[in-house]
Amino acid sequence: MPGPPPKSPDQRRRRNVPKLTQLPADGRKGRTPKWPFATADDHERKLWAELWRTPQAVMWERTHAHREVAAYVRWSLAAEAGDLRAAPEARQLSDRLGLTPLALRRLEWEIVEATEAKQSTVPASNVRRLRAVDPVAS
């Protein structure tokens, strides 16, 4: 005997799919954290404030990554000014901070709209099964 028939596609589930951390698309709310280094010029302060309004800043705040973000600000501005040694450092820090789409994926973060985050996490296949048992479900 060959065994039981395969499950239908809507009943198959992968158990090893990572659960992505959801970040709010409208970014981090609240005051910009204090600059962690002794001095900062106007360009650094401006970029620092912009970065702390991004969705990724929610996770930076949770992990206390203030100095890493400040280091990224310095390396990034140096790279923009033409320092060839600064460009790879800025790129590596941008990956570690989740500032690129690939970095978001590697960190298992996703940016979602507020309406998406509030939606039910029950898979559609389960909803159909619930309706079969209880027609008023969902």
N, C-alpha and C. Protein backbone atom coordinates (compact mmCIF):
# COMPACT_ATOMS: atom_id res chain seq x y z
N MET A 1 0.83 -1.19 0.00
CA MET A 1 0.00 0.00 0.00
C MET A 1 0.87 1.25 0.00
N PRO A 2 0.51 2.23 -0.79
CA PRO A 2 1.34 3.43 -0.89
C PRO A 2 1.21 4.39 0.28
N GLY A 3 0.24 4.29 1.12
CA GLY A 3 0.09 5.21 2.24
C GLY A 3 -1.07 6.17 2.04
N PRO A 4 -1.24 7.09 2.97
CA PRO A 4 -2.37 8.01 2.87
C PRO A 4 -2.17 9.00 1.72
N PRO A 5 -3.26 9.53 1.19
CA PRO A 5 -3.12 10.53 0.11
C PRO A 5 -2.51 11.82 0.65
N PRO A 6 -1.86 12.61 -0.18
CA PRO A 6 -1.26 13.87 0.29
C PRO A 6 -2.34 14.87 0.70
N LYS A 7 -1.96 15.74 1.62
CA LYS A 7 -2.90 16.77 2.08
C LYS A 7 -3.13 17.79 0.97
N SER A 8 -4.28 18.43 1.02
CA SER A 8 -4.55 19.49 0.05
C SER A 8 -3.65 20.69 0.37
N PRO A 9 -3.33 21.52 -0.61
CA PRO A 9 -2.40 22.64 -0.37
C PRO A 9 -2.82 23.58 0.75
N ASP A 10 -4.14 23.79 0.96
CA ASP A 10 -4.55 24.71 2.01
C ASP A 10 -4.43 24.11 3.41
N GLN A 11 -4.15 22.81 3.51
CA GLN A 11 -3.97 22.18 4.81
C GLN A 11 -2.51 21.97 5.17
N ARG A 12 -1.62 22.18 4.23
CA ARG A 12 -0.19 22.00 4.49
C ARG A 12 0.33 23.20 5.29
N ARG A 13 1.17 22.90 6.24
CA ARG A 13 1.76 23.95 7.05
C ARG A 13 3.24 23.67 7.26
N ARG A 14 4.02 24.73 7.16
CA ARG A 14 5.44 24.62 7.50
C ARG A 14 5.60 25.06 8.94
N ARG A 15 6.24 24.24 9.71
CA ARG A 15 6.43 24.58 11.12
C ARG A 15 7.71 25.37 11.36
N ASN A 16 8.58 25.41 10.37
CA ASN A 16 9.85 26.10 10.56
C ASN A 16 9.86 27.51 9.96
N VAL A 17 8.72 28.05 9.63
CA VAL A 17 8.65 29.40 9.08
C VAL A 17 8.86 30.38 10.22
N PRO A 18 9.84 31.28 10.11
CA PRO A 18 10.09 32.22 11.20
C PRO A 18 8.96 33.23 11.34
N LYS A 19 8.66 33.59 12.56
CA LYS A 19 7.65 34.62 12.81
C LYS A 19 8.37 35.97 12.74
N LEU A 20 7.92 36.81 11.82
CA LEU A 20 8.56 38.10 11.61
C LEU A 20 8.11 39.11 12.65
N THR A 21 9.05 39.92 13.13
CA THR A 21 8.72 40.99 14.04
C THR A 21 8.12 42.13 13.22
N GLN A 22 6.94 42.56 13.59
CA GLN A 22 6.25 43.60 12.83
C GLN A 22 6.61 44.97 13.36
N LEU A 23 7.01 45.85 12.43
CA LEU A 23 7.35 47.23 12.76
C LEU A 23 6.30 48.15 12.16
N PRO A 24 5.91 49.19 12.88
CA PRO A 24 4.86 50.09 12.36
C PRO A 24 5.36 50.92 11.19
N ALA A 25 4.58 50.95 10.11
CA ALA A 25 4.98 51.68 8.90
C ALA A 25 5.10 53.17 9.14
N ASP A 26 4.35 53.70 10.11
CA ASP A 26 4.44 55.14 10.36
C ASP A 26 5.63 55.51 11.22
N GLY A 27 6.44 54.54 11.60
CA GLY A 27 7.70 54.81 12.29
C GLY A 27 7.57 54.91 13.79
N ARG A 28 8.69 55.22 14.40
CA ARG A 28 8.77 55.33 15.86
C ARG A 28 8.21 56.68 16.29
N LYS A 29 7.43 56.65 17.35
CA LYS A 29 6.87 57.88 17.92
C LYS A 29 7.71 58.30 19.12
N GLY A 30 7.60 59.53 19.49
CA GLY A 30 8.29 60.01 20.68
C GLY A 30 9.47 60.90 20.33
N ARG A 31 10.12 61.34 21.38
CA ARG A 31 11.25 62.26 21.21
C ARG A 31 12.47 61.53 20.68
N THR A 32 13.27 62.27 19.95
CA THR A 32 14.53 61.73 19.46
C THR A 32 15.48 61.54 20.64
N PRO A 33 16.13 60.39 20.75
CA PRO A 33 17.08 60.18 21.85
C PRO A 33 18.24 61.16 21.80
N LYS A 34 18.87 61.32 22.93
CA LYS A 34 20.02 62.21 23.04
C LYS A 34 21.19 61.62 22.24
N TRP A 35 21.93 62.48 21.54
CA TRP A 35 23.11 62.07 20.78
C TRP A 35 24.12 61.48 21.76
N PRO A 36 24.61 60.26 21.52
CA PRO A 36 25.46 59.59 22.51
C PRO A 36 26.93 60.03 22.54
N PHE A 37 27.37 60.72 21.51
CA PHE A 37 28.77 61.14 21.48
C PHE A 37 28.90 62.57 22.00
N ALA A 38 30.13 62.99 22.23
CA ALA A 38 30.37 64.31 22.84
C ALA A 38 29.94 65.46 21.93
N THR A 39 30.24 65.36 20.65
CA THR A 39 29.92 66.47 19.75
C THR A 39 29.15 65.97 18.54
N ALA A 40 28.42 66.89 17.90
CA ALA A 40 27.69 66.57 16.67
C ALA A 40 27.51 67.86 15.89
N ASP A 41 27.68 67.77 14.57
CA ASP A 41 27.42 68.94 13.74
C ASP A 41 25.96 68.93 13.29
N ASP A 42 25.55 69.95 12.55
CA ASP A 42 24.15 70.07 12.13
C ASP A 42 23.70 68.91 11.23
N HIS A 43 24.58 68.46 10.32
CA HIS A 43 24.23 67.35 9.43
C HIS A 43 23.99 66.06 10.22
N GLU A 44 24.84 65.83 11.22
CA GLU A 44 24.68 64.64 12.05
C GLU A 44 23.38 64.71 12.84
N ARG A 45 23.08 65.85 13.40
CA ARG A 45 21.83 65.99 14.17
C ARG A 45 20.60 65.78 13.29
N LYS A 46 20.66 66.28 12.06
CA LYS A 46 19.52 66.15 11.15
C LYS A 46 19.30 64.68 10.77
N LEU A 47 20.36 63.98 10.36
CA LEU A 47 20.24 62.57 9.99
C LEU A 47 19.85 61.73 11.20
N TRP A 48 20.41 62.04 12.36
CA TRP A 48 20.06 61.34 13.61
C TRP A 48 18.56 61.43 13.87
N ALA A 49 18.00 62.61 13.74
CA ALA A 49 16.56 62.80 13.98
C ALA A 49 15.73 62.06 12.94
N GLU A 50 16.16 62.08 11.67
CA GLU A 50 15.42 61.37 10.61
C GLU A 50 15.40 59.87 10.86
N LEU A 51 16.54 59.32 11.23
CA LEU A 51 16.63 57.88 11.46
C LEU A 51 15.75 57.42 12.61
N TRP A 52 15.62 58.23 13.65
CA TRP A 52 14.84 57.84 14.81
C TRP A 52 13.33 57.96 14.57
N ARG A 53 12.92 58.38 13.37
CA ARG A 53 11.50 58.38 13.00
C ARG A 53 11.16 57.20 12.09
N THR A 54 12.12 56.34 11.79
CA THR A 54 11.89 55.20 10.90
C THR A 54 11.25 54.04 11.67
N PRO A 55 10.64 53.09 10.97
CA PRO A 55 10.10 51.90 11.64
C PRO A 55 11.18 51.09 12.38
N GLN A 56 12.37 51.03 11.82
CA GLN A 56 13.45 50.25 12.42
C GLN A 56 13.85 50.80 13.80
N ALA A 57 13.62 52.08 14.01
CA ALA A 57 14.00 52.71 15.28
C ALA A 57 13.27 52.10 16.47
N VAL A 58 12.13 51.50 16.22
CA VAL A 58 11.40 50.81 17.31
C VAL A 58 12.29 49.71 17.89
N MET A 59 12.92 48.95 17.01
CA MET A 59 13.79 47.87 17.47
C MET A 59 15.10 48.41 18.04
N TRP A 60 15.62 49.48 17.48
CA TRP A 60 16.86 50.06 18.01
C TRP A 60 16.66 50.50 19.45
N GLU A 61 15.47 51.07 19.70
CA GLU A 61 15.18 51.51 21.06
C GLU A 61 15.09 50.32 22.01
N ARG A 62 14.45 49.25 21.57
CA ARG A 62 14.33 48.04 22.41
C ARG A 62 15.69 47.43 22.72
N THR A 63 16.60 47.48 21.74
CA THR A 63 17.91 46.84 21.91
C THR A 63 19.00 47.81 22.35
N HIS A 64 18.63 49.05 22.62
CA HIS A 64 19.58 50.07 23.08
C HIS A 64 20.75 50.24 22.12
N ALA A 65 20.43 50.39 20.85
CA ALA A 65 21.45 50.49 19.80
C ALA A 65 21.79 51.94 19.46
N HIS A 66 21.72 52.83 20.42
CA HIS A 66 21.94 54.25 20.17
C HIS A 66 23.33 54.55 19.61
N ARG A 67 24.34 53.94 20.18
CA ARG A 67 25.71 54.20 19.72
C ARG A 67 25.94 53.65 18.32
N GLU A 68 25.34 52.51 18.01
CA GLU A 68 25.49 51.95 16.66
C GLU A 68 24.83 52.85 15.62
N VAL A 69 23.68 53.40 15.96
CA VAL A 69 23.00 54.32 15.03
C VAL A 69 23.84 55.59 14.86
N ALA A 70 24.40 56.08 15.94
CA ALA A 70 25.25 57.28 15.87
C ALA A 70 26.50 56.99 15.03
N ALA A 71 27.07 55.81 15.17
CA ALA A 71 28.24 55.44 14.36
C ALA A 71 27.84 55.38 12.88
N TYR A 72 26.65 54.83 12.60
CA TYR A 72 26.17 54.81 11.21
C TYR A 72 26.02 56.22 10.67
N VAL A 73 25.50 57.12 11.47
CA VAL A 73 25.35 58.52 11.03
C VAL A 73 26.70 59.09 10.62
N ARG A 74 27.70 58.89 11.46
CA ARG A 74 29.04 59.44 11.16
C ARG A 74 29.64 58.79 9.91
N TRP A 75 29.60 57.47 9.82
CA TRP A 75 30.17 56.78 8.66
C TRP A 75 29.41 57.14 7.38
N SER A 76 28.11 57.24 7.47
CA SER A 76 27.30 57.54 6.30
C SER A 76 27.60 58.94 5.76
N LEU A 77 27.67 59.90 6.64
CA LEU A 77 27.98 61.27 6.19
C LEU A 77 29.40 61.38 5.65
N ALA A 78 30.33 60.64 6.24
CA ALA A 78 31.70 60.63 5.72
C ALA A 78 31.74 60.01 4.33
N ALA A 79 30.97 58.94 4.12
CA ALA A 79 30.91 58.31 2.81
C ALA A 79 30.30 59.25 1.78
N GLU A 80 29.25 59.96 2.17
CA GLU A 80 28.63 60.91 1.26
C GLU A 80 29.58 62.05 0.90
N ALA A 81 30.50 62.37 1.81
CA ALA A 81 31.47 63.42 1.56
C ALA A 81 32.63 62.95 0.69
N GLY A 82 32.67 61.64 0.37
CA GLY A 82 33.69 61.13 -0.53
C GLY A 82 34.76 60.27 0.10
N ASP A 83 34.67 59.99 1.38
CA ASP A 83 35.65 59.13 2.05
C ASP A 83 35.40 57.68 1.62
N LEU A 84 36.32 57.13 0.82
CA LEU A 84 36.14 55.77 0.30
C LEU A 84 36.23 54.70 1.37
N ARG A 85 36.95 54.96 2.45
CA ARG A 85 37.03 53.98 3.54
C ARG A 85 35.74 53.94 4.36
N ALA A 86 34.98 55.02 4.33
CA ALA A 86 33.75 55.09 5.13
C ALA A 86 32.60 54.34 4.48
N ALA A 87 32.61 54.24 3.16
CA ALA A 87 31.47 53.61 2.45
C ALA A 87 31.22 52.17 2.89
N PRO A 88 32.24 51.30 2.95
CA PRO A 88 31.96 49.92 3.39
C PRO A 88 31.47 49.85 4.84
N GLU A 89 32.00 50.72 5.68
CA GLU A 89 31.56 50.74 7.09
C GLU A 89 30.09 51.15 7.18
N ALA A 90 29.71 52.16 6.42
CA ALA A 90 28.32 52.62 6.42
C ALA A 90 27.40 51.53 5.89
N ARG A 91 27.84 50.84 4.84
CA ARG A 91 27.03 49.77 4.27
C ARG A 91 26.84 48.63 5.27
N GLN A 92 27.90 48.24 5.95
CA GLN A 92 27.78 47.16 6.93
C GLN A 92 26.88 47.55 8.09
N LEU A 93 27.01 48.78 8.56
CA LEU A 93 26.15 49.22 9.65
C LEU A 93 24.69 49.33 9.20
N SER A 94 24.47 49.74 7.96
CA SER A 94 23.09 49.83 7.47
C SER A 94 22.46 48.44 7.43
N ASP A 95 23.25 47.43 7.11
CA ASP A 95 22.73 46.06 7.14
C ASP A 95 22.42 45.61 8.56
N ARG A 96 23.29 45.92 9.48
CA ARG A 96 23.07 45.51 10.86
C ARG A 96 21.89 46.22 11.50
N LEU A 97 21.60 47.42 11.02
CA LEU A 97 20.50 48.21 11.58
C LEU A 97 19.18 47.99 10.85
N GLY A 98 19.19 47.18 9.81
CA GLY A 98 17.95 46.87 9.10
C GLY A 98 17.49 47.97 8.16
N LEU A 99 18.41 48.71 7.59
CA LEU A 99 18.03 49.84 6.74
C LEU A 99 17.85 49.47 5.27
N THR A 100 18.10 48.22 4.90
CA THR A 100 17.89 47.79 3.52
C THR A 100 16.85 46.67 3.52
N PRO A 101 16.17 46.45 2.40
CA PRO A 101 15.18 45.37 2.35
C PRO A 101 15.76 44.00 2.70
N LEU A 102 16.95 43.70 2.20
CA LEU A 102 17.57 42.42 2.51
C LEU A 102 17.89 42.31 4.01
N ALA A 103 18.35 43.41 4.59
CA ALA A 103 18.66 43.41 6.02
C ALA A 103 17.40 43.20 6.85
N LEU A 104 16.29 43.79 6.43
CA LEU A 104 15.02 43.57 7.13
C LEU A 104 14.67 42.09 7.13
N ARG A 105 14.86 41.45 6.00
CA ARG A 105 14.54 40.02 5.88
C ARG A 105 15.46 39.18 6.76
N ARG A 106 16.74 39.49 6.75
CA ARG A 106 17.69 38.72 7.56
C ARG A 106 17.43 38.88 9.06
N LEU A 107 17.01 40.08 9.46
CA LEU A 107 16.71 40.32 10.86
C LEU A 107 15.32 39.81 11.26
N GLU A 108 14.57 39.32 10.25
CA GLU A 108 13.22 38.82 10.45
C GLU A 108 12.29 39.92 10.97
N TRP A 109 12.43 41.10 10.36
CA TRP A 109 11.56 42.24 10.64
C TRP A 109 10.73 42.49 9.40
N GLU A 110 9.51 42.98 9.59
CA GLU A 110 8.70 43.41 8.46
C GLU A 110 7.97 44.70 8.85
N ILE A 111 7.85 45.59 7.89
CA ILE A 111 7.17 46.85 8.09
C ILE A 111 5.73 46.67 7.62
N VAL A 112 4.79 46.92 8.52
CA VAL A 112 3.38 46.72 8.19
C VAL A 112 2.57 47.97 8.52
N GLU A 113 1.51 48.16 7.76
CA GLU A 113 0.56 49.23 8.04
C GLU A 113 -0.21 48.86 9.30
N ALA A 114 -0.77 49.83 9.96
CA ALA A 114 -1.50 49.59 11.21
C ALA A 114 -2.68 48.64 10.99
N THR A 115 -3.35 48.74 9.84
CA THR A 115 -4.50 47.87 9.58
C THR A 115 -4.06 46.42 9.39
N GLU A 116 -2.89 46.22 8.78
CA GLU A 116 -2.39 44.85 8.58
C GLU A 116 -2.02 44.20 9.90
N ALA A 117 -1.43 44.96 10.80
CA ALA A 117 -0.99 44.41 12.07
C ALA A 117 -2.16 43.97 12.93
N LYS A 118 -3.31 44.61 12.77
CA LYS A 118 -4.48 44.28 13.60
C LYS A 118 -5.30 43.14 13.02
N GLN A 119 -5.01 42.72 11.80
CA GLN A 119 -5.79 41.64 11.19
C GLN A 119 -5.59 40.34 11.93
N SER A 120 -6.55 39.47 11.79
CA SER A 120 -6.50 38.16 12.44
C SER A 120 -5.31 37.36 11.93
N THR A 121 -4.73 36.58 12.82
CA THR A 121 -3.61 35.73 12.42
C THR A 121 -4.08 34.31 12.12
N VAL A 122 -5.39 34.08 12.11
CA VAL A 122 -5.93 32.75 11.80
C VAL A 122 -5.83 32.52 10.30
N PRO A 123 -5.15 31.46 9.85
CA PRO A 123 -5.05 31.18 8.42
C PRO A 123 -6.43 30.98 7.79
N ALA A 124 -6.54 31.32 6.52
CA ALA A 124 -7.81 31.21 5.81
C ALA A 124 -8.35 29.79 5.84
N SER A 125 -7.46 28.81 5.77
CA SER A 125 -7.93 27.42 5.79
C SER A 125 -8.63 27.10 7.11
N ASN A 126 -8.14 27.66 8.22
CA ASN A 126 -8.79 27.42 9.51
C ASN A 126 -10.14 28.11 9.58
N VAL A 127 -10.26 29.29 8.98
CA VAL A 127 -11.53 30.01 8.99
C VAL A 127 -12.57 29.20 8.24
N ARG A 128 -12.21 28.64 7.10
CA ARG A 128 -13.15 27.81 6.35
C ARG A 128 -13.58 26.61 7.17
N ARG A 129 -12.65 26.00 7.85
CA ARG A 129 -12.97 24.84 8.66
C ARG A 129 -13.89 25.25 9.81
N LEU A 130 -13.65 26.43 10.40
CA LEU A 130 -14.50 26.92 11.47
C LEU A 130 -15.91 27.17 10.96
N ARG A 131 -16.03 27.73 9.77
CA ARG A 131 -17.35 27.99 9.21
C ARG A 131 -18.12 26.70 8.97
N ALA A 132 -17.41 25.65 8.61
CA ALA A 132 -18.08 24.36 8.37
C ALA A 132 -18.69 23.83 9.67
N VAL A 133 -18.03 24.11 10.79
CA VAL A 133 -18.55 23.66 12.08
C VAL A 133 -19.56 24.66 12.64
N ASP A 134 -19.20 25.95 12.56
CA ASP A 134 -20.06 27.01 13.09
C ASP A 134 -20.28 28.04 11.98
N PRO A 135 -21.42 28.05 11.32
CA PRO A 135 -21.65 28.93 10.18
C PRO A 135 -21.53 30.42 10.50
N VAL A 136 -21.65 30.82 11.74
CA VAL A 136 -21.56 32.24 12.08
C VAL A 136 -20.13 32.66 12.42
N ALA A 137 -19.18 31.73 12.44
CA ALA A 137 -17.79 32.05 12.73
C ALA A 137 -17.22 32.93 11.63
N SER A 138 -16.49 33.94 12.07
CA SER A 138 -15.81 34.88 11.20
C SER A 138 -16.82 35.55 10.32
